[in-house]
Amino acid sequence: MKPFVISHEHPDWFKPLLAELEKRGIAYETVNPVKHHFAIEEKKPAFSLFFNRMSPSAYLRDGVQGMFYTLNYLKHLENHGIRVINGYKAFTYETSKALQLILLQQLGIAYPKAHVVNHVSQIEAAAGGLRFPIVVKANIGGSGAGIEKFNSLEEVRTAVNNNSIDLGVDHTALVQEFIPARGGYITRVETLGGKYLYAIRVYTTGESFNLCPADICQTTGGQELVRNACALDAPKNGLKVEAYTPPAEVIRNIETIVQNAGIDVGGIEYIIDDRDGEILYYDVNALSNFVADAVNVIGFNPHERLVDFLEQQAVKQPENLALA
């Protein structure tokens, strides 16, 4: 079987995936999407599977060019009939929080009330009809980047007048209600192949927006997770995590979201609004990092399931059917 190609730019997040591939003796190559090129006229690339792991937070690591480039390259691969995991459609949703909410609106799935702006002069008007506190959330973020909280309209005006609000790399942002989390946690549900895989509760103060599960290194019981299972640059952010099984209706909603977004491997976050108990879905992640030290948190290694899935998808390629 021709090698898998894993496209990523983060030095640590995908070490467990690569370790699982190596353990099974599966040939793979890695490419760095922030320093890459391709020829429009080239023939079909000689690999069996392309796994897109490009991160929308790459601009924090001098990799902004990789995000927009990746959309072009994914379309190129799909035009050649390459099986792309988290392909063009999925990455389109990954790189637009506005499109994520538009999808939820279309599906009739509840989300925090939000308006979309493309200039800081529009934020005050866009805040109309929203309950404070609000957040201004960059359309392309990742790892909690590009989110600012405001407790009043006066705070918004001050920030606008001081030119201190950054709308992000595409100059588009959500003006969205800040949701107080009932129980002090959000829930992140991971999916694989469009189906539920597992869920975790992440306990937060509400002041930190970086809830990346690979960066959480403590359980609610105080157990320190194996540090080498966390990204090496993971902050000591005080977040705690525990395994959780959501209600069946929530699982159905989440499977509906990822299937309609074309997400093969992804995580959806939801929150229970402490003001009225409503479940609100607010983040669609095509770049999904499994929780650190997963065996101790959820009882199994999700990377084993992921590689099972990758092997199945590669075998489905017509040129590889004889190898099945």
C-alpha atoms as a PDB file:
ATOM      1  CA  MET A   1       0.000   0.000   0.000  1.00  0.00           C
ATOM      2  CA  LYS A   2       1.314   3.447  -0.855  1.00  0.00           C
ATOM      3  CA  PRO A   3       2.132   5.597   2.151  1.00  0.00           C
ATOM      4  CA  PHE A   4      -0.235   7.761   4.094  1.00  0.00           C
ATOM      5  CA  VAL A   5       0.597  11.449   4.058  1.00  0.00           C
ATOM      6  CA  ILE A   6       0.041  13.423   7.266  1.00  0.00           C
ATOM      7  CA  SER A   7      -0.006  17.188   6.719  1.00  0.00           C
ATOM      8  CA  HIS A   8       0.672  19.164   9.913  1.00  0.00           C
ATOM      9  CA  GLU A   9       2.730  22.031  11.268  1.00  0.00           C
ATOM     10  CA  HIS A  10       2.636  21.504  15.040  1.00  0.00           C
ATOM     11  CA  PRO A  11       5.733  19.756  16.452  1.00  0.00           C
ATOM     12  CA  ASP A  12       4.013  17.845  19.268  1.00  0.00           C
ATOM     13  CA  TRP A  13       0.285  17.318  18.810  1.00  0.00           C
ATOM     14  CA  PHE A  14       0.540  14.365  16.438  1.00  0.00           C
ATOM     15  CA  LYS A  15       3.334  12.334  18.015  1.00  0.00           C
ATOM     16  CA  PRO A  16       0.856   9.762  19.429  1.00  0.00           C
ATOM     17  CA  LEU A  17      -0.663   9.261  15.962  1.00  0.00           C
ATOM     18  CA  LEU A  18       2.740   8.797  14.346  1.00  0.00           C
ATOM     19  CA  ALA A  19       3.765   6.402  17.118  1.00  0.00           C
ATOM     20  CA  GLU A  20       0.700   4.246  16.441  1.00  0.00           C
ATOM     21  CA  LEU A  21       1.454   4.162  12.711  1.00  0.00           C
ATOM     22  CA  GLU A  22       5.035   3.142  13.428  1.00  0.00           C
ATOM     23  CA  LYS A  23       3.941   0.456  15.874  1.00  0.00           C
ATOM     24  CA  ARG A  24       1.859  -1.143  13.142  1.00  0.00           C
ATOM     25  CA  GLY A  25       4.560  -0.791  10.513  1.00  0.00           C
ATOM     26  CA  ILE A  26       2.414   1.466   8.338  1.00  0.00           C
ATOM     27  CA  ALA A  27       4.383   3.568   5.897  1.00  0.00           C
ATOM     28  CA  TYR A  28       3.699   7.277   6.171  1.00  0.00           C
ATOM     29  CA  GLU A  29       5.170  10.589   5.174  1.00  0.00           C
ATOM     30  CA  THR A  30       4.699  13.996   6.758  1.00  0.00           C
ATOM     31  CA  VAL A  31       4.519  17.319   4.973  1.00  0.00           C
ATOM     32  CA  ASN A  32       4.607  20.806   6.404  1.00  0.00           C
ATOM     33  CA  PRO A  33       1.707  22.801   4.927  1.00  0.00           C
ATOM     34  CA  VAL A  34       3.282  26.154   5.817  1.00  0.00           C
ATOM     35  CA  LYS A  35       6.256  25.423   3.524  1.00  0.00           C
ATOM     36  CA  HIS A  36       4.934  23.494   0.568  1.00  0.00           C
ATOM     37  CA  HIS A  37       4.280  23.685  -3.164  1.00  0.00           C
ATOM     38  CA  PHE A  38       2.473  21.796  -5.907  1.00  0.00           C
ATOM     39  CA  ALA A  39       2.121  21.957  -9.690  1.00  0.00           C
ATOM     40  CA  ILE A  40      -1.325  22.513 -11.166  1.00  0.00           C
ATOM     41  CA  GLU A  41      -0.567  20.161 -14.064  1.00  0.00           C
ATOM     42  CA  GLU A  42       0.862  17.306 -12.000  1.00  0.00           C
ATOM     43  CA  LYS A  43      -0.544  13.808 -12.325  1.00  0.00           C
ATOM     44  CA  LYS A  44      -2.346  12.083  -9.484  1.00  0.00           C
ATOM     45  CA  PRO A  45      -0.015  12.067  -6.437  1.00  0.00           C
ATOM     46  CA  ALA A  46       1.392   8.680  -5.498  1.00  0.00           C
ATOM     47  CA  PHE A  47      -0.088   8.157  -2.066  1.00  0.00           C
ATOM     48  CA  SER A  48      -3.072   6.220  -0.802  1.00  0.00           C
ATOM     49  CA  LEU A  49      -4.443   8.675   1.718  1.00  0.00           C
ATOM     50  CA  PHE A  50      -3.963  12.312   2.707  1.00  0.00           C
ATOM     51  CA  PHE A  51      -4.729  13.293   6.301  1.00  0.00           C
ATOM     52  CA  ASN A  52      -5.198  17.042   6.713  1.00  0.00           C
ATOM     53  CA  ARG A  53      -4.078  18.134  10.190  1.00  0.00           C
ATOM     54  CA  MET A  54      -3.568  21.815   9.383  1.00  0.00           C
ATOM     55  CA  SER A  55      -4.368  24.022  12.380  1.00  0.00           C
ATOM     56  CA  PRO A  56      -6.298  27.310  12.251  1.00  0.00           C
ATOM     57  CA  SER A  57      -4.078  28.531  15.083  1.00  0.00           C
ATOM     58  CA  ALA A  58      -0.973  28.214  12.864  1.00  0.00           C
ATOM     59  CA  TYR A  59      -0.860  31.985  12.472  1.00  0.00           C
ATOM     60  CA  LEU A  60       0.324  32.085  16.099  1.00  0.00           C
ATOM     61  CA  ARG A  61       3.350  30.036  14.977  1.00  0.00           C
ATOM     62  CA  ASP A  62       4.236  32.066  11.851  1.00  0.00           C
ATOM     63  CA  GLY A  63       2.165  29.732   9.723  1.00  0.00           C
ATOM     64  CA  VAL A  64      -0.713  31.888   8.482  1.00  0.00           C
ATOM     65  CA  GLN A  65       0.164  31.129   4.853  1.00  0.00           C
ATOM     66  CA  GLY A  66      -0.470  27.428   5.457  1.00  0.00           C
ATOM     67  CA  MET A  67      -4.156  27.910   6.253  1.00  0.00           C
ATOM     68  CA  PHE A  68      -5.206  29.559   3.007  1.00  0.00           C
ATOM     69  CA  TYR A  69      -2.800  27.492   0.924  1.00  0.00           C
ATOM     70  CA  THR A  70      -4.254  24.289   2.364  1.00  0.00           C
ATOM     71  CA  LEU A  71      -7.725  25.041   1.000  1.00  0.00           C
ATOM     72  CA  ASN A  72      -6.259  25.210  -2.517  1.00  0.00           C
ATOM     73  CA  TYR A  73      -4.191  22.052  -2.105  1.00  0.00           C
ATOM     74  CA  LEU A  74      -7.091  20.037  -0.691  1.00  0.00           C
ATOM     75  CA  LYS A  75      -9.242  20.964  -3.689  1.00  0.00           C
ATOM     76  CA  HIS A  76      -6.380  19.956  -5.977  1.00  0.00           C
ATOM     77  CA  LEU A  77      -6.062  16.530  -4.315  1.00  0.00           C
ATOM     78  CA  GLU A  78      -9.795  15.886  -4.350  1.00  0.00           C
ATOM     79  CA  ASN A  79      -9.948  16.777  -8.033  1.00  0.00           C
ATOM     80  CA  HIS A  80      -7.428  13.966  -8.560  1.00  0.00           C
ATOM     81  CA  GLY A  81      -9.609  11.502  -6.649  1.00  0.00           C
ATOM     82  CA  ILE A  82      -7.309  11.272  -3.605  1.00  0.00           C
ATOM     83  CA  ARG A  83      -9.090  10.249  -0.400  1.00  0.00           C
ATOM     84  CA  VAL A  84      -8.559  13.224   1.876  1.00  0.00           C
ATOM     85  CA  ILE A  85      -9.416  12.899   5.550  1.00  0.00           C
ATOM     86  CA  ASN A  86     -10.919  16.224   6.693  1.00  0.00           C
ATOM     87  CA  GLY A  87     -10.908  17.556   3.174  1.00  0.00           C
ATOM     88  CA  TYR A  88     -11.894  20.801   1.506  1.00  0.00           C
ATOM     89  CA  LYS A  89     -15.428  20.981   2.905  1.00  0.00           C
ATOM     90  CA  ALA A  90     -14.333  20.170   6.458  1.00  0.00           C
ATOM     91  CA  PHE A  91     -11.474  22.655   6.356  1.00  0.00           C
ATOM     92  CA  THR A  92     -13.788  25.350   5.030  1.00  0.00           C
ATOM     93  CA  TYR A  93     -15.846  24.991   8.211  1.00  0.00           C
ATOM     94  CA  GLU A  94     -12.700  24.721  10.333  1.00  0.00           C
ATOM     95  CA  THR A  95     -11.547  28.118   9.110  1.00  0.00           C
ATOM     96  CA  SER A  96     -14.798  30.011   9.603  1.00  0.00           C
ATOM     97  CA  LYS A  97     -16.666  30.274  12.880  1.00  0.00           C
ATOM     98  CA  ALA A  98     -19.342  32.212  11.011  1.00  0.00           C
ATOM     99  CA  LEU A  99     -19.924  29.295   8.640  1.00  0.00           C
ATOM    100  CA  GLN A 100     -20.096  26.952  11.636  1.00  0.00           C
ATOM    101  CA  LEU A 101     -22.977  28.927  13.116  1.00  0.00           C
ATOM    102  CA  ILE A 102     -24.656  29.252   9.728  1.00  0.00           C
ATOM    103  CA  LEU A 103     -24.596  25.446   9.531  1.00  0.00           C
ATOM    104  CA  LEU A 104     -26.084  25.112  13.026  1.00  0.00           C
ATOM    105  CA  GLN A 105     -28.813  27.579  12.048  1.00  0.00           C
ATOM    106  CA  GLN A 106     -29.598  25.516   8.961  1.00  0.00           C
ATOM    107  CA  LEU A 107     -29.726  22.312  11.006  1.00  0.00           C
ATOM    108  CA  GLY A 108     -31.964  23.832  13.683  1.00  0.00           C
ATOM    109  CA  ILE A 109     -29.368  23.182  16.410  1.00  0.00           C
ATOM    110  CA  ALA A 110     -29.082  25.799  19.182  1.00  0.00           C
ATOM    111  CA  TYR A 111     -25.996  27.999  19.480  1.00  0.00           C
ATOM    112  CA  PRO A 112     -25.042  31.197  21.352  1.00  0.00           C
ATOM    113  CA  LYS A 113     -26.661  34.207  19.710  1.00  0.00           C
ATOM    114  CA  ALA A 114     -24.138  35.959  17.484  1.00  0.00           C
ATOM    115  CA  HIS A 115     -23.702  38.589  14.781  1.00  0.00           C
ATOM    116  CA  VAL A 116     -20.916  38.796  12.184  1.00  0.00           C
ATOM    117  CA  VAL A 117     -18.776  41.896  11.559  1.00  0.00           C
ATOM    118  CA  ASN A 118     -15.930  42.825   9.231  1.00  0.00           C
ATOM    119  CA  HIS A 119     -14.835  46.102  10.820  1.00  0.00           C
ATOM    120  CA  VAL A 120     -14.425  47.266  14.417  1.00  0.00           C
ATOM    121  CA  SER A 121     -16.745  50.190  13.704  1.00  0.00           C
ATOM    122  CA  GLN A 122     -19.582  47.669  13.407  1.00  0.00           C
ATOM    123  CA  ILE A 123     -19.110  45.960  16.776  1.00  0.00           C
ATOM    124  CA  GLU A 124     -21.256  48.355  18.808  1.00  0.00           C
ATOM    125  CA  ALA A 125     -24.175  48.046  16.392  1.00  0.00           C
ATOM    126  CA  ALA A 126     -23.727  44.273  16.221  1.00  0.00           C
ATOM    127  CA  ALA A 127     -23.939  44.067  20.005  1.00  0.00           C
ATOM    128  CA  GLY A 128     -27.540  45.259  19.796  1.00  0.00           C
ATOM    129  CA  GLY A 129     -29.950  42.599  20.971  1.00  0.00           C
ATOM    130  CA  LEU A 130     -27.235  40.580  22.691  1.00  0.00           C
ATOM    131  CA  ARG A 131     -27.056  39.983  26.429  1.00  0.00           C
ATOM    132  CA  PHE A 132     -23.860  41.090  28.126  1.00  0.00           C
ATOM    133  CA  PRO A 133     -21.227  39.912  28.728  1.00  0.00           C
ATOM    134  CA  ILE A 134     -20.302  39.374  25.100  1.00  0.00           C
ATOM    135  CA  VAL A 135     -17.207  38.112  23.326  1.00  0.00           C
ATOM    136  CA  VAL A 136     -15.662  39.303  20.100  1.00  0.00           C
ATOM    137  CA  LYS A 137     -14.339  36.138  18.513  1.00  0.00           C
ATOM    138  CA  ALA A 138     -12.025  36.081  15.494  1.00  0.00           C
ATOM    139  CA  ASN A 139     -13.523  34.087  12.655  1.00  0.00           C
ATOM    140  CA  ILE A 140     -10.272  32.116  12.346  1.00  0.00           C
ATOM    141  CA  GLY A 141      -8.919  31.287  15.765  1.00  0.00           C
ATOM    142  CA  GLY A 142      -7.924  27.988  17.296  1.00  0.00           C
ATOM    143  CA  SER A 143      -6.614  27.178  20.781  1.00  0.00           C
ATOM    144  CA  GLY A 144      -8.698  29.999  22.209  1.00  0.00           C
ATOM    145  CA  ALA A 145      -6.872  32.671  20.243  1.00  0.00           C
ATOM    146  CA  GLY A 146      -8.572  35.849  19.088  1.00  0.00           C
ATOM    147  CA  ILE A 147     -11.319  35.986  21.728  1.00  0.00           C
ATOM    148  CA  GLU A 148     -11.975  39.046  23.900  1.00  0.00           C
ATOM    149  CA  LYS A 149     -14.669  39.391  26.563  1.00  0.00           C
ATOM    150  CA  PHE A 150     -16.576  42.604  27.293  1.00  0.00           C
ATOM    151  CA  ASN A 151     -18.879  43.142  30.257  1.00  0.00           C
ATOM    152  CA  SER A 152     -20.596  46.305  29.024  1.00  0.00           C
ATOM    153  CA  LEU A 153     -21.158  48.493  26.010  1.00  0.00           C
ATOM    154  CA  GLU A 154     -18.869  51.064  27.588  1.00  0.00           C
ATOM    155  CA  GLU A 155     -16.017  48.548  27.569  1.00  0.00           C
ATOM    156  CA  VAL A 156     -16.690  47.857  23.903  1.00  0.00           C
ATOM    157  CA  ARG A 157     -16.612  51.566  23.051  1.00  0.00           C
ATOM    158  CA  THR A 158     -13.345  52.056  24.928  1.00  0.00           C
ATOM    159  CA  ALA A 159     -11.699  49.150  23.119  1.00  0.00           C
ATOM    160  CA  VAL A 160     -12.928  50.368  19.731  1.00  0.00           C
ATOM    161  CA  ASN A 161     -11.719  53.916  20.420  1.00  0.00           C
ATOM    162  CA  ASN A 162      -8.342  52.568  21.540  1.00  0.00           C
ATOM    163  CA  ASN A 163      -8.109  50.423  18.402  1.00  0.00           C
ATOM    164  CA  SER A 164      -7.317  47.430  20.596  1.00  0.00           C
ATOM    165  CA  ILE A 165      -9.599  44.832  18.989  1.00  0.00           C
ATOM    166  CA  ASP A 166      -8.052  42.475  16.453  1.00  0.00           C
ATOM    167  CA  LEU A 167     -10.554  40.823  14.116  1.00  0.00           C
ATOM    168  CA  GLY A 168      -8.004  38.244  12.986  1.00  0.00           C
ATOM    169  CA  VAL A 169      -6.356  37.219   9.767  1.00  0.00           C
ATOM    170  CA  ASP A 170      -9.494  37.412   7.601  1.00  0.00           C
ATOM    171  CA  HIS A 171     -10.788  40.622   9.230  1.00  0.00           C
ATOM    172  CA  THR A 172     -14.047  38.925  10.187  1.00  0.00           C
ATOM    173  CA  ALA A 173     -15.368  38.199  13.667  1.00  0.00           C
ATOM    174  CA  LEU A 174     -18.349  37.050  15.664  1.00  0.00           C
ATOM    175  CA  VAL A 175     -19.941  39.349  18.219  1.00  0.00           C
ATOM    176  CA  GLN A 176     -21.451  36.699  20.445  1.00  0.00           C
ATOM    177  CA  GLU A 177     -23.127  36.296  23.807  1.00  0.00           C
ATOM    178  CA  PHE A 178     -20.802  34.947  26.489  1.00  0.00           C
ATOM    179  CA  ILE A 179     -22.448  31.907  28.034  1.00  0.00           C
ATOM    180  CA  PRO A 180     -22.000  31.240  31.778  1.00  0.00           C
ATOM    181  CA  ALA A 181     -21.292  27.538  32.069  1.00  0.00           C
ATOM    182  CA  ARG A 182     -23.575  25.578  34.358  1.00  0.00           C
ATOM    183  CA  GLY A 183     -21.420  23.395  36.602  1.00  0.00           C
ATOM    184  CA  GLY A 184     -18.284  25.277  35.563  1.00  0.00           C
ATOM    185  CA  TYR A 185     -17.559  23.010  32.596  1.00  0.00           C
ATOM    186  CA  ILE A 186     -17.969  22.669  28.861  1.00  0.00           C
ATOM    187  CA  THR A 187     -18.337  19.317  27.124  1.00  0.00           C
ATOM    188  CA  ARG A 188     -16.235  18.265  24.165  1.00  0.00           C
ATOM    189  CA  VAL A 189     -17.405  15.350  22.074  1.00  0.00           C
ATOM    190  CA  GLU A 190     -14.977  13.619  19.729  1.00  0.00           C
ATOM    191  CA  THR A 191     -16.181  11.886  16.592  1.00  0.00           C
ATOM    192  CA  LEU A 192     -14.628   9.495  14.105  1.00  0.00           C
ATOM    193  CA  GLY A 193     -16.088   8.594  10.737  1.00  0.00           C
ATOM    194  CA  GLY A 194     -19.089  10.800  11.479  1.00  0.00           C
ATOM    195  CA  LYS A 195     -19.947   8.858  14.636  1.00  0.00           C
ATOM    196  CA  TYR A 196     -19.578   9.437  18.371  1.00  0.00           C
ATOM    197  CA  LEU A 197     -16.243   8.294  19.795  1.00  0.00           C
ATOM    198  CA  TYR A 198     -16.080   9.698  23.348  1.00  0.00           C
ATOM    199  CA  ALA A 199     -16.758  12.821  25.384  1.00  0.00           C
ATOM    200  CA  ILE A 200     -15.038  14.736  28.159  1.00  0.00           C
ATOM    201  CA  ARG A 201     -16.013  17.517  30.482  1.00  0.00           C
ATOM    202  CA  VAL A 202     -13.465  20.307  30.699  1.00  0.00           C
ATOM    203  CA  TYR A 203     -13.679  22.418  33.849  1.00  0.00           C
ATOM    204  CA  THR A 204     -12.845  26.067  33.318  1.00  0.00           C
ATOM    205  CA  THR A 205     -13.070  29.363  35.175  1.00  0.00           C
ATOM    206  CA  GLY A 206     -14.699  30.936  32.130  1.00  0.00           C
ATOM    207  CA  GLU A 207     -11.801  33.347  31.762  1.00  0.00           C
ATOM    208  CA  SER A 208      -9.610  31.048  29.662  1.00  0.00           C
ATOM    209  CA  PHE A 209     -10.652  30.193  26.121  1.00  0.00           C
ATOM    210  CA  ASN A 210      -7.846  27.734  25.351  1.00  0.00           C
ATOM    211  CA  LEU A 211      -9.575  24.419  26.033  1.00  0.00           C
ATOM    212  CA  CYS A 212      -7.395  22.263  23.782  1.00  0.00           C
ATOM    213  CA  PRO A 213      -7.689  18.731  25.229  1.00  0.00           C
ATOM    214  CA  ALA A 214      -4.055  17.969  24.421  1.00  0.00           C
ATOM    215  CA  ASP A 215      -3.072  20.822  26.744  1.00  0.00           C
ATOM    216  CA  ILE A 216      -4.990  19.558  29.788  1.00  0.00           C
ATOM    217  CA  CYS A 217      -2.835  17.579  32.156  1.00  0.00           C
ATOM    218  CA  GLN A 218      -4.938  16.936  35.270  1.00  0.00           C
ATOM    219  CA  THR A 219      -8.100  14.980  36.040  1.00  0.00           C
ATOM    220  CA  THR A 220     -10.861  16.242  38.299  1.00  0.00           C
ATOM    221  CA  GLY A 221      -9.531  13.878  40.943  1.00  0.00           C
ATOM    222  CA  GLY A 222      -6.199  15.692  40.928  1.00  0.00           C
ATOM    223  CA  GLN A 223      -4.299  12.988  39.047  1.00  0.00           C
ATOM    224  CA  GLU A 224      -1.520  14.371  36.884  1.00  0.00           C
ATOM    225  CA  LEU A 225      -1.756  12.972  33.384  1.00  0.00           C
ATOM    226  CA  VAL A 226       1.360  11.574  31.767  1.00  0.00           C
ATOM    227  CA  ARG A 227       3.232  14.673  30.706  1.00  0.00           C
ATOM    228  CA  ASN A 228       4.618  13.181  27.489  1.00  0.00           C
ATOM    229  CA  ALA A 229       1.022  12.666  26.370  1.00  0.00           C
ATOM    230  CA  CYS A 230       0.530  16.423  26.454  1.00  0.00           C
ATOM    231  CA  ALA A 231       1.953  18.847  23.949  1.00  0.00           C
ATOM    232  CA  LEU A 232       5.383  19.919  25.138  1.00  0.00           C
ATOM    233  CA  ASP A 233       4.329  23.551  24.996  1.00  0.00           C
ATOM    234  CA  ALA A 234       1.064  22.923  26.846  1.00  0.00           C
ATOM    235  CA  PRO A 235       0.452  25.699  29.371  1.00  0.00           C
ATOM    236  CA  LYS A 236      -0.156  24.960  33.028  1.00  0.00           C
ATOM    237  CA  ASN A 237      -3.635  26.408  32.652  1.00  0.00           C
ATOM    238  CA  GLY A 238      -5.301  24.768  35.643  1.00  0.00           C
ATOM    239  CA  LEU A 239      -7.945  23.066  33.518  1.00  0.00           C
ATOM    240  CA  LYS A 240      -9.243  19.699  34.670  1.00  0.00           C
ATOM    241  CA  VAL A 241     -10.939  16.961  32.689  1.00  0.00           C
ATOM    242  CA  GLU A 242     -13.128  13.911  33.237  1.00  0.00           C
ATOM    243  CA  ALA A 243     -14.824  11.330  31.035  1.00  0.00           C
ATOM    244  CA  TYR A 244     -18.540  11.788  30.396  1.00  0.00           C
ATOM    245  CA  THR A 245     -21.297  10.240  28.290  1.00  0.00           C
ATOM    246  CA  PRO A 246     -23.749  12.806  26.867  1.00  0.00           C
ATOM    247  CA  PRO A 247     -27.484  12.197  26.421  1.00  0.00           C
ATOM    248  CA  ALA A 248     -28.552  10.372  23.256  1.00  0.00           C
ATOM    249  CA  GLU A 249     -30.104  13.534  21.782  1.00  0.00           C
ATOM    250  CA  VAL A 250     -26.806  15.407  22.140  1.00  0.00           C
ATOM    251  CA  ILE A 251     -24.937  12.590  20.415  1.00  0.00           C
ATOM    252  CA  ARG A 252     -27.448  12.646  17.550  1.00  0.00           C
ATOM    253  CA  ASN A 253     -27.031  16.400  17.166  1.00  0.00           C
ATOM    254  CA  ILE A 254     -23.257  16.148  17.111  1.00  0.00           C
ATOM    255  CA  GLU A 255     -23.228  13.346  14.572  1.00  0.00           C
ATOM    256  CA  THR A 256     -25.565  15.447  12.409  1.00  0.00           C
ATOM    257  CA  ILE A 257     -23.174  18.412  12.616  1.00  0.00           C
ATOM    258  CA  VAL A 258     -20.006  16.548  11.638  1.00  0.00           C
ATOM    259  CA  GLN A 259     -21.711  14.596   8.870  1.00  0.00           C
ATOM    260  CA  ASN A 260     -23.084  17.774   7.316  1.00  0.00           C
ATOM    261  CA  ALA A 261     -19.728  19.546   7.697  1.00  0.00           C
ATOM    262  CA  GLY A 262     -17.833  16.727   5.983  1.00  0.00           C
ATOM    263  CA  ILE A 263     -15.684  16.182   9.071  1.00  0.00           C
ATOM    264  CA  ASP A 264     -14.118  12.713   9.265  1.00  0.00           C
ATOM    265  CA  VAL A 265     -12.313  13.302  12.560  1.00  0.00           C
ATOM    266  CA  GLY A 266     -13.498  16.158  14.724  1.00  0.00           C
ATOM    267  CA  GLY A 267     -14.625  17.523  18.039  1.00  0.00           C
ATOM    268  CA  ILE A 268     -17.728  19.533  18.868  1.00  0.00           C
ATOM    269  CA  GLU A 269     -18.007  21.612  22.030  1.00  0.00           C
ATOM    270  CA  TYR A 270     -21.225  22.488  23.788  1.00  0.00           C
ATOM    271  CA  ILE A 271     -22.174  24.289  26.957  1.00  0.00           C
ATOM    272  CA  ILE A 272     -25.185  24.385  29.266  1.00  0.00           C
ATOM    273  CA  ASP A 273     -26.334  27.968  29.720  1.00  0.00           C
ATOM    274  CA  ASP A 274     -26.527  28.533  33.480  1.00  0.00           C
ATOM    275  CA  ARG A 275     -29.213  31.189  32.954  1.00  0.00           C
ATOM    276  CA  ASP A 276     -31.844  28.876  31.517  1.00  0.00           C
ATOM    277  CA  GLY A 277     -30.368  25.368  31.207  1.00  0.00           C
ATOM    278  CA  GLU A 278     -30.354  25.388  27.399  1.00  0.00           C
ATOM    279  CA  ILE A 279     -27.714  23.280  25.630  1.00  0.00           C
ATOM    280  CA  LEU A 280     -25.800  25.430  23.151  1.00  0.00           C
ATOM    281  CA  TYR A 281     -23.300  24.140  20.582  1.00  0.00           C
ATOM    282  CA  TYR A 282     -20.593  26.674  19.873  1.00  0.00           C
ATOM    283  CA  ASP A 283     -17.413  25.218  18.366  1.00  0.00           C
ATOM    284  CA  VAL A 284     -16.855  22.873  15.439  1.00  0.00           C
ATOM    285  CA  ASN A 285     -13.312  21.505  15.299  1.00  0.00           C
ATOM    286  CA  ALA A 286     -11.995  19.646  12.265  1.00  0.00           C
ATOM    287  CA  LEU A 287      -8.534  19.713  13.809  1.00  0.00           C
ATOM    288  CA  SER A 288      -9.324  17.581  16.821  1.00  0.00           C
ATOM    289  CA  ASN A 289      -6.631  16.733  19.330  1.00  0.00           C
ATOM    290  CA  PHE A 290      -7.512  13.782  21.507  1.00  0.00           C
ATOM    291  CA  VAL A 291      -7.317  14.266  25.242  1.00  0.00           C
ATOM    292  CA  ALA A 292      -3.871  13.820  26.767  1.00  0.00           C
ATOM    293  CA  ASP A 293      -3.164  10.448  28.416  1.00  0.00           C
ATOM    294  CA  ALA A 294      -6.484   9.170  27.050  1.00  0.00           C
ATOM    295  CA  VAL A 295      -6.279   5.679  28.549  1.00  0.00           C
ATOM    296  CA  ASN A 296      -6.296   7.140  32.064  1.00  0.00           C
ATOM    297  CA  VAL A 297      -9.117   9.570  31.222  1.00  0.00           C
ATOM    298  CA  ILE A 298     -11.522   7.685  28.963  1.00  0.00           C
ATOM    299  CA  GLY A 299     -10.298   4.092  29.277  1.00  0.00           C
ATOM    300  CA  PHE A 300      -8.946   3.488  25.776  1.00  0.00           C
ATOM    301  CA  ASN A 301      -6.473   4.844  23.243  1.00  0.00           C
ATOM    302  CA  PRO A 302      -8.391   6.772  20.552  1.00  0.00           C
ATOM    303  CA  HIS A 303      -5.348   6.822  18.297  1.00  0.00           C
ATOM    304  CA  GLU A 304      -5.762   3.068  17.843  1.00  0.00           C
ATOM    305  CA  ARG A 305      -9.333   3.647  16.627  1.00  0.00           C
ATOM    306  CA  LEU A 306      -8.132   6.488  14.419  1.00  0.00           C
ATOM    307  CA  VAL A 307      -5.491   4.355  12.702  1.00  0.00           C
ATOM    308  CA  ASP A 308      -8.056   1.577  12.230  1.00  0.00           C
ATOM    309  CA  PHE A 309     -10.200   4.145  10.424  1.00  0.00           C
ATOM    310  CA  LEU A 310      -7.308   5.420   8.314  1.00  0.00           C
ATOM    311  CA  GLU A 311      -6.449   1.896   7.202  1.00  0.00           C
ATOM    312  CA  GLN A 312     -10.067   1.237   6.233  1.00  0.00           C
ATOM    313  CA  GLN A 313     -10.238   4.455   4.214  1.00  0.00           C
ATOM    314  CA  ALA A 314      -7.003   3.691   2.386  1.00  0.00           C
ATOM    315  CA  VAL A 315      -8.184   0.188   1.472  1.00  0.00           C
ATOM    316  CA  LYS A 316     -11.347   1.673  -0.071  1.00  0.00           C
ATOM    317  CA  GLN A 317      -9.254   3.406  -2.733  1.00  0.00           C
ATOM    318  CA  PRO A 318      -9.759   1.538  -6.043  1.00  0.00           C
ATOM    319  CA  GLU A 319      -6.028   1.046  -6.622  1.00  0.00           C
ATOM    320  CA  ASN A 320      -5.682  -0.547  -3.192  1.00  0.00           C
ATOM    321  CA  LEU A 321      -8.648  -2.933  -3.285  1.00  0.00           C
ATOM    322  CA  ALA A 322      -6.387  -5.821  -4.238  1.00  0.00           C
ATOM    323  CA  LEU A 323      -4.490  -5.261  -0.999  1.00  0.00           C
ATOM    324  CA  ALA A 324      -7.588  -5.528   1.188  1.00  0.00           C
END
